Each structure stands twice: as C-alpha cells, then as structure tokens.
Amino acid sequence: MVGACYGNGWGVTKDETKAAEWYRKSAEQGNQHGQVRLGNCFRNGLGVAKDIDTAVLWYHRSADQGWWEAKHELKRLGKYQE
C-alpha cells in the first residue's frame, strides 16, 4: 500500500500527510486495511488533525467488514460492542 510506504519511509521520504492522503483514497474505496490505517492517523494526529470521532468512524467501517485490527482499536477506545 502506497500509504504505508509514505508512513514508514519505505523507498520514499517519510511524509505522514501523504500517507494519510493515500490511506484515505484506499479507505474511500472500501479497503478495510486503508480504513483502519486512516483511523490510526486520526486517532494519533498523523498527517491530519487529531479527531477521535473520525477515527472511530473509520474503525467501524473496517470492523463492519470483519477486520480484527479495527475491532481491537474500537475495544481499546471503549467503542465496540459484539
């Protein structure tokens, strides 16, 4: 995923803003991995303004597809109910 390359500086200069942009592109296309990564960006203020509510929104979209990592993050935030 291109976002991970920018987020970690793999083959490109590390750039959290570009990482968030690429995660958003992926997330908006319904990719559960992109959704959880974008949620992480919002939770931690990486490349975007910190916004827990928006992080929770993206985590829910990923969790609704069954992605365990999103469910884990929602549980950590006290926002997940099975």
N, C-alpha and C. Protein backbone atom coordinates (compact mmCIF):
# COMPACT_ATOMS: atom_id res chain seq x y z
N MET A 1 0.85 -1.17 0.00
CA MET A 1 0.00 0.00 0.00
C MET A 1 0.90 1.24 0.00
N VAL A 2 0.58 2.17 -0.87
CA VAL A 2 1.39 3.38 -1.01
C VAL A 2 1.43 4.17 0.29
N GLY A 3 0.31 4.23 1.01
CA GLY A 3 0.27 4.95 2.28
C GLY A 3 1.30 4.44 3.27
N ALA A 4 1.46 3.13 3.32
CA ALA A 4 2.45 2.54 4.23
C ALA A 4 3.87 2.95 3.84
N CYS A 5 4.12 3.06 2.54
CA CYS A 5 5.44 3.50 2.08
C CYS A 5 5.75 4.89 2.60
N TYR A 6 4.78 5.81 2.44
CA TYR A 6 4.98 7.17 2.94
C TYR A 6 5.00 7.21 4.47
N GLY A 7 4.16 6.44 5.10
CA GLY A 7 4.10 6.45 6.56
C GLY A 7 5.35 5.93 7.23
N ASN A 8 6.05 5.01 6.52
CA ASN A 8 7.24 4.40 7.10
C ASN A 8 8.54 4.82 6.43
N GLY A 9 8.45 5.58 5.34
CA GLY A 9 9.64 5.99 4.62
C GLY A 9 10.27 4.85 3.84
N TRP A 10 9.46 3.94 3.34
CA TRP A 10 9.96 2.80 2.55
C TRP A 10 10.09 3.21 1.09
N GLY A 11 11.30 3.51 0.64
CA GLY A 11 11.54 3.86 -0.75
C GLY A 11 11.20 5.30 -1.11
N VAL A 12 10.64 6.02 -0.17
CA VAL A 12 10.29 7.43 -0.37
C VAL A 12 10.61 8.17 0.93
N THR A 13 10.63 9.48 0.85
CA THR A 13 10.81 10.28 2.06
C THR A 13 9.57 10.13 2.92
N LYS A 14 9.76 9.88 4.20
CA LYS A 14 8.62 9.73 5.11
C LYS A 14 7.81 11.02 5.12
N ASP A 15 6.49 10.86 4.95
CA ASP A 15 5.61 12.02 4.89
C ASP A 15 4.23 11.58 5.40
N GLU A 16 3.92 11.93 6.63
CA GLU A 16 2.67 11.49 7.24
C GLU A 16 1.43 12.08 6.56
N THR A 17 1.55 13.28 6.01
CA THR A 17 0.42 13.88 5.31
C THR A 17 0.10 13.10 4.04
N LYS A 18 1.13 12.76 3.27
CA LYS A 18 0.92 11.97 2.06
C LYS A 18 0.41 10.57 2.41
N ALA A 19 0.91 10.02 3.50
CA ALA A 19 0.44 8.70 3.95
C ALA A 19 -1.06 8.76 4.21
N ALA A 20 -1.50 9.76 4.95
CA ALA A 20 -2.93 9.90 5.26
C ALA A 20 -3.75 10.08 3.99
N GLU A 21 -3.22 10.83 3.03
CA GLU A 21 -3.94 11.03 1.76
C GLU A 21 -4.13 9.70 1.04
N TRP A 22 -3.09 8.89 1.01
CA TRP A 22 -3.18 7.59 0.33
C TRP A 22 -4.06 6.62 1.10
N TYR A 23 -3.98 6.65 2.42
CA TYR A 23 -4.89 5.81 3.22
C TYR A 23 -6.33 6.20 2.96
N ARG A 24 -6.60 7.50 2.84
CA ARG A 24 -7.96 7.96 2.58
C ARG A 24 -8.46 7.44 1.23
N LYS A 25 -7.61 7.52 0.21
CA LYS A 25 -8.01 7.01 -1.10
C LYS A 25 -8.40 5.54 -1.02
N SER A 26 -7.61 4.78 -0.33
CA SER A 26 -7.88 3.36 -0.14
C SER A 26 -9.14 3.15 0.68
N ALA A 27 -9.27 3.88 1.77
CA ALA A 27 -10.42 3.75 2.67
C ALA A 27 -11.72 4.09 1.97
N GLU A 28 -11.71 5.14 1.18
CA GLU A 28 -12.93 5.57 0.49
C GLU A 28 -13.37 4.57 -0.57
N GLN A 29 -12.45 3.72 -1.02
CA GLN A 29 -12.78 2.67 -1.98
C GLN A 29 -13.25 1.39 -1.26
N GLY A 30 -13.32 1.46 0.08
CA GLY A 30 -13.82 0.33 0.85
C GLY A 30 -12.77 -0.64 1.34
N ASN A 31 -11.50 -0.31 1.20
CA ASN A 31 -10.44 -1.21 1.65
C ASN A 31 -10.35 -1.19 3.18
N GLN A 32 -10.57 -2.35 3.81
CA GLN A 32 -10.58 -2.42 5.27
C GLN A 32 -9.24 -2.07 5.89
N HIS A 33 -8.16 -2.38 5.22
CA HIS A 33 -6.83 -2.05 5.74
C HIS A 33 -6.60 -0.53 5.68
N GLY A 34 -6.97 0.08 4.57
CA GLY A 34 -6.87 1.52 4.45
C GLY A 34 -7.74 2.24 5.47
N GLN A 35 -8.91 1.67 5.74
CA GLN A 35 -9.83 2.27 6.72
C GLN A 35 -9.22 2.27 8.12
N VAL A 36 -8.64 1.15 8.52
CA VAL A 36 -8.06 1.10 9.87
C VAL A 36 -6.82 1.98 9.95
N ARG A 37 -6.03 2.04 8.88
CA ARG A 37 -4.84 2.90 8.89
C ARG A 37 -5.24 4.37 8.95
N LEU A 38 -6.29 4.74 8.21
CA LEU A 38 -6.76 6.12 8.28
C LEU A 38 -7.31 6.41 9.67
N GLY A 39 -7.99 5.45 10.26
CA GLY A 39 -8.44 5.61 11.64
C GLY A 39 -7.27 5.87 12.58
N ASN A 40 -6.17 5.14 12.37
CA ASN A 40 -4.97 5.36 13.19
C ASN A 40 -4.43 6.76 13.01
N CYS A 41 -4.45 7.25 11.77
CA CYS A 41 -3.98 8.62 11.52
C CYS A 41 -4.81 9.62 12.32
N PHE A 42 -6.12 9.47 12.28
CA PHE A 42 -6.98 10.39 13.02
C PHE A 42 -6.84 10.21 14.53
N ARG A 43 -6.69 8.99 14.99
CA ARG A 43 -6.55 8.76 16.43
C ARG A 43 -5.29 9.42 16.98
N ASN A 44 -4.23 9.38 16.19
CA ASN A 44 -2.93 9.87 16.67
C ASN A 44 -2.52 11.23 16.10
N GLY A 45 -3.33 11.81 15.22
CA GLY A 45 -2.97 13.09 14.62
C GLY A 45 -1.77 12.98 13.69
N LEU A 46 -1.70 11.91 12.91
CA LEU A 46 -0.59 11.69 11.99
C LEU A 46 -0.99 12.12 10.58
N GLY A 47 -0.53 13.27 10.15
CA GLY A 47 -0.83 13.78 8.82
C GLY A 47 -2.18 14.44 8.69
N VAL A 48 -2.98 14.37 9.75
CA VAL A 48 -4.30 15.00 9.82
C VAL A 48 -4.47 15.52 11.24
N ALA A 49 -5.46 16.38 11.43
CA ALA A 49 -5.75 16.84 12.79
C ALA A 49 -6.31 15.67 13.60
N LYS A 50 -5.90 15.58 14.84
CA LYS A 50 -6.38 14.52 15.71
C LYS A 50 -7.89 14.66 15.89
N ASP A 51 -8.60 13.54 15.66
CA ASP A 51 -10.06 13.56 15.74
C ASP A 51 -10.54 12.15 16.07
N ILE A 52 -10.81 11.90 17.33
CA ILE A 52 -11.20 10.56 17.78
C ILE A 52 -12.51 10.12 17.14
N ASP A 53 -13.47 11.02 17.00
CA ASP A 53 -14.75 10.64 16.40
C ASP A 53 -14.57 10.15 14.96
N THR A 54 -13.72 10.81 14.20
CA THR A 54 -13.47 10.39 12.83
C THR A 54 -12.70 9.08 12.82
N ALA A 55 -11.77 8.91 13.76
CA ALA A 55 -11.06 7.63 13.87
C ALA A 55 -12.05 6.50 14.11
N VAL A 56 -12.98 6.70 15.02
CA VAL A 56 -13.98 5.68 15.34
C VAL A 56 -14.83 5.36 14.12
N LEU A 57 -15.21 6.38 13.35
CA LEU A 57 -15.98 6.16 12.13
C LEU A 57 -15.26 5.21 11.19
N TRP A 58 -13.96 5.46 10.95
CA TRP A 58 -13.20 4.62 10.03
C TRP A 58 -12.94 3.24 10.62
N TYR A 59 -12.72 3.16 11.92
CA TYR A 59 -12.58 1.84 12.55
C TYR A 59 -13.85 1.02 12.38
N HIS A 60 -15.01 1.66 12.57
CA HIS A 60 -16.28 0.94 12.41
C HIS A 60 -16.46 0.44 10.98
N ARG A 61 -16.09 1.25 10.02
CA ARG A 61 -16.23 0.80 8.61
C ARG A 61 -15.37 -0.43 8.35
N SER A 62 -14.19 -0.45 8.92
CA SER A 62 -13.31 -1.61 8.76
C SER A 62 -13.82 -2.80 9.57
N ALA A 63 -14.24 -2.55 10.79
CA ALA A 63 -14.75 -3.63 11.65
C ALA A 63 -15.99 -4.26 11.05
N ASP A 64 -16.82 -3.46 10.39
CA ASP A 64 -18.03 -3.99 9.76
C ASP A 64 -17.71 -5.00 8.66
N GLN A 65 -16.48 -4.95 8.16
CA GLN A 65 -16.02 -5.92 7.17
C GLN A 65 -15.31 -7.10 7.84
N GLY A 66 -15.26 -7.08 9.16
CA GLY A 66 -14.67 -8.20 9.90
C GLY A 66 -13.20 -8.07 10.23
N TRP A 67 -12.60 -6.91 9.95
CA TRP A 67 -11.16 -6.77 10.20
C TRP A 67 -10.87 -6.71 11.69
N TRP A 68 -10.10 -7.68 12.17
CA TRP A 68 -9.82 -7.84 13.61
C TRP A 68 -9.12 -6.63 14.19
N GLU A 69 -8.21 -6.03 13.45
CA GLU A 69 -7.44 -4.91 13.98
C GLU A 69 -8.35 -3.71 14.31
N ALA A 70 -9.32 -3.48 13.45
CA ALA A 70 -10.27 -2.39 13.69
C ALA A 70 -11.09 -2.67 14.94
N LYS A 71 -11.53 -3.92 15.09
CA LYS A 71 -12.28 -4.29 16.29
C LYS A 71 -11.44 -4.09 17.54
N HIS A 72 -10.18 -4.44 17.45
CA HIS A 72 -9.26 -4.26 18.58
C HIS A 72 -9.14 -2.78 18.95
N GLU A 73 -8.98 -1.92 17.95
CA GLU A 73 -8.84 -0.49 18.22
C GLU A 73 -10.12 0.08 18.83
N LEU A 74 -11.26 -0.37 18.33
CA LEU A 74 -12.53 0.09 18.90
C LEU A 74 -12.68 -0.36 20.36
N LYS A 75 -12.26 -1.58 20.65
CA LYS A 75 -12.30 -2.07 22.03
C LYS A 75 -11.41 -1.22 22.93
N ARG A 76 -10.23 -0.87 22.44
CA ARG A 76 -9.31 -0.04 23.22
C ARG A 76 -9.93 1.32 23.53
N LEU A 77 -10.74 1.81 22.61
CA LEU A 77 -11.39 3.11 22.80
C LEU A 77 -12.74 3.00 23.51
N GLY A 78 -13.14 1.76 23.84
CA GLY A 78 -14.43 1.54 24.51
C GLY A 78 -15.62 1.79 23.58
N LYS A 79 -15.42 1.57 22.28
CA LYS A 79 -16.45 1.89 21.28
C LYS A 79 -16.92 0.66 20.50
N TYR A 80 -16.62 -0.54 20.98
CA TYR A 80 -17.00 -1.74 20.24
C TYR A 80 -17.89 -2.62 21.10
N GLN A 81 -18.97 -3.04 20.49
CA GLN A 81 -19.88 -3.98 21.14
C GLN A 81 -20.13 -5.13 20.19
N GLU A 82 -19.96 -6.34 20.67
CA GLU A 82 -20.20 -7.53 19.82
C GLU A 82 -21.65 -7.92 19.87
